[in-house]
Amino acid sequence: MSATTVVTFEQFEFRFSYGWPRTRLPRSEIVSHEIVEISGWVGTGIRGISGGWLWRVWGRSCVEIRKVNGKRLVVGTDDPEGLSQALNR
């Protein structure tokens, strides 16, 4: 299993191998983000976590996105610094 993260001027998108399942988030709904480490015990795939959702294929490195509604979206990535920089632009 693999995943792709796409950041454009209008939106953030995270999708698994074949384009489904996927989640999209308008950039206007992103309040903040930070790099976090998630325990392996949480699991992989799409999981409900405290205050939001986790989308992860493998590994512990993630970027936690805080949304306007107070919810969070935590996405796994093999390049958390690159994703964080893309979200800063």
C-alpha atoms as a PDB file:
ATOM      1  CA  MET A   1       0.000   0.000   0.000  1.00  0.00           C
ATOM      2  CA  SER A   2       1.174   3.506  -0.755  1.00  0.00           C
ATOM      3  CA  ALA A   3      -0.262   6.997  -0.486  1.00  0.00           C
ATOM      4  CA  THR A   4       0.088  10.313  -2.268  1.00  0.00           C
ATOM      5  CA  THR A   5      -0.158  13.764  -0.751  1.00  0.00           C
ATOM      6  CA  VAL A   6      -0.941  16.734  -3.001  1.00  0.00           C
ATOM      7  CA  VAL A   7      -0.849  20.346  -1.845  1.00  0.00           C
ATOM      8  CA  THR A   8      -2.114  23.047  -4.200  1.00  0.00           C
ATOM      9  CA  PHE A   9      -3.025  26.679  -3.690  1.00  0.00           C
ATOM     10  CA  GLU A  10      -6.684  25.678  -3.223  1.00  0.00           C
ATOM     11  CA  GLN A  11      -6.569  22.367  -1.332  1.00  0.00           C
ATOM     12  CA  PHE A  12      -4.764  19.611   0.497  1.00  0.00           C
ATOM     13  CA  GLU A  13      -5.401  16.030  -0.665  1.00  0.00           C
ATOM     14  CA  PHE A  14      -4.296  12.666   0.724  1.00  0.00           C
ATOM     15  CA  ARG A  15      -5.128   9.526  -1.246  1.00  0.00           C
ATOM     16  CA  PHE A  16      -4.218   5.886  -1.100  1.00  0.00           C
ATOM     17  CA  SER A  17      -2.724   3.849  -3.982  1.00  0.00           C
ATOM     18  CA  TYR A  18      -5.527   3.859  -6.513  1.00  0.00           C
ATOM     19  CA  GLY A  19      -6.960   7.281  -5.707  1.00  0.00           C
ATOM     20  CA  TRP A  20      -9.478   5.898  -3.264  1.00  0.00           C
ATOM     21  CA  PRO A  21     -10.076   6.339  -0.459  1.00  0.00           C
ATOM     22  CA  ARG A  22      -9.039   9.950  -0.336  1.00  0.00           C
ATOM     23  CA  THR A  23      -9.625  13.013   1.756  1.00  0.00           C
ATOM     24  CA  ARG A  24      -9.622  16.600   0.533  1.00  0.00           C
ATOM     25  CA  LEU A  25      -9.439  19.717   2.597  1.00  0.00           C
ATOM     26  CA  PRO A  26      -9.702  23.296   1.306  1.00  0.00           C
ATOM     27  CA  ARG A  27      -6.632  25.287   2.352  1.00  0.00           C
ATOM     28  CA  SER A  28      -8.972  27.920   3.822  1.00  0.00           C
ATOM     29  CA  GLU A  29     -10.034  25.362   6.471  1.00  0.00           C
ATOM     30  CA  ILE A  30      -6.466  24.781   7.706  1.00  0.00           C
ATOM     31  CA  VAL A  31      -5.689  26.784  10.835  1.00  0.00           C
ATOM     32  CA  SER A  32      -2.291  25.289  11.697  1.00  0.00           C
ATOM     33  CA  HIS A  33      -0.113  22.229  11.301  1.00  0.00           C
ATOM     34  CA  GLU A  34       2.812  20.581  13.043  1.00  0.00           C
ATOM     35  CA  ILE A  35       5.044  17.543  12.676  1.00  0.00           C
ATOM     36  CA  VAL A  36       4.221  14.801  15.184  1.00  0.00           C
ATOM     37  CA  GLU A  37       5.277  11.228  15.936  1.00  0.00           C
ATOM     38  CA  ILE A  38       2.457   8.697  16.317  1.00  0.00           C
ATOM     39  CA  SER A  39       2.834   5.406  18.171  1.00  0.00           C
ATOM     40  CA  GLY A  40       2.835   2.238  16.101  1.00  0.00           C
ATOM     41  CA  TRP A  41       0.117   0.933  18.425  1.00  0.00           C
ATOM     42  CA  VAL A  42      -2.385   3.328  16.852  1.00  0.00           C
ATOM     43  CA  GLY A  43      -2.284   1.292  13.654  1.00  0.00           C
ATOM     44  CA  THR A  44      -2.381   2.092   9.969  1.00  0.00           C
ATOM     45  CA  GLY A  45      -5.089   2.912   7.476  1.00  0.00           C
ATOM     46  CA  ILE A  46      -7.918   5.272   8.333  1.00  0.00           C
ATOM     47  CA  ARG A  47      -8.530   5.447  12.063  1.00  0.00           C
ATOM     48  CA  GLY A  48     -10.666   7.573  14.308  1.00  0.00           C
ATOM     49  CA  ILE A  49      -8.442   9.225  16.911  1.00  0.00           C
ATOM     50  CA  SER A  50      -9.074  11.702  19.678  1.00  0.00           C
ATOM     51  CA  GLY A  51     -10.392  14.866  18.045  1.00  0.00           C
ATOM     52  CA  GLY A  52     -10.232  13.705  14.451  1.00  0.00           C
ATOM     53  CA  TRP A  53      -8.849  11.182  11.975  1.00  0.00           C
ATOM     54  CA  LEU A  54      -5.554   9.462  11.214  1.00  0.00           C
ATOM     55  CA  TRP A  55      -4.670   8.544   7.623  1.00  0.00           C
ATOM     56  CA  ARG A  56      -1.446   6.524   7.543  1.00  0.00           C
ATOM     57  CA  VAL A  57       0.196   3.765   5.492  1.00  0.00           C
ATOM     58  CA  TRP A  58       3.173   3.045   7.767  1.00  0.00           C
ATOM     59  CA  GLY A  59       5.831   4.736   9.892  1.00  0.00           C
ATOM     60  CA  ARG A  60       5.563   7.102  12.799  1.00  0.00           C
ATOM     61  CA  SER A  61       6.186  10.484  11.147  1.00  0.00           C
ATOM     62  CA  CYS A  62       3.015  12.457  10.578  1.00  0.00           C
ATOM     63  CA  VAL A  63       1.761  15.976  10.047  1.00  0.00           C
ATOM     64  CA  GLU A  64      -1.137  17.014  12.240  1.00  0.00           C
ATOM     65  CA  ILE A  65      -3.439  19.529  10.567  1.00  0.00           C
ATOM     66  CA  ARG A  66      -5.793  21.584  12.738  1.00  0.00           C
ATOM     67  CA  LYS A  67      -8.993  22.646  11.015  1.00  0.00           C
ATOM     68  CA  VAL A  68     -11.230  25.683  11.504  1.00  0.00           C
ATOM     69  CA  ASN A  69     -13.858  23.516  13.237  1.00  0.00           C
ATOM     70  CA  GLY A  70     -11.323  22.420  15.887  1.00  0.00           C
ATOM     71  CA  LYS A  71     -10.942  18.904  14.477  1.00  0.00           C
ATOM     72  CA  ARG A  72      -7.611  17.465  13.457  1.00  0.00           C
ATOM     73  CA  LEU A  73      -6.410  15.427  10.515  1.00  0.00           C
ATOM     74  CA  VAL A  74      -3.187  13.485  11.081  1.00  0.00           C
ATOM     75  CA  VAL A  75      -1.543  12.189   7.904  1.00  0.00           C
ATOM     76  CA  GLY A  76       1.427   9.853   7.696  1.00  0.00           C
ATOM     77  CA  THR A  77       4.279  10.835   5.414  1.00  0.00           C
ATOM     78  CA  ASP A  78       7.847   9.807   4.691  1.00  0.00           C
ATOM     79  CA  ASP A  79       8.728  13.520   4.281  1.00  0.00           C
ATOM     80  CA  PRO A  80       7.102  15.470   7.131  1.00  0.00           C
ATOM     81  CA  GLU A  81       9.401  18.472   6.677  1.00  0.00           C
ATOM     82  CA  GLY A  82       8.563  18.710   2.964  1.00  0.00           C
ATOM     83  CA  LEU A  83       4.830  18.471   3.624  1.00  0.00           C
ATOM     84  CA  SER A  84       5.085  21.092   6.344  1.00  0.00           C
ATOM     85  CA  GLN A  85       6.945  23.442   3.981  1.00  0.00           C
ATOM     86  CA  ALA A  86       4.346  22.898   1.251  1.00  0.00           C
ATOM     87  CA  LEU A  87       1.551  23.766   3.696  1.00  0.00           C
ATOM     88  CA  ASN A  88       3.423  26.955   4.693  1.00  0.00           C
ATOM     89  CA  ARG A  89       3.365  28.293   1.127  1.00  0.00           C
END
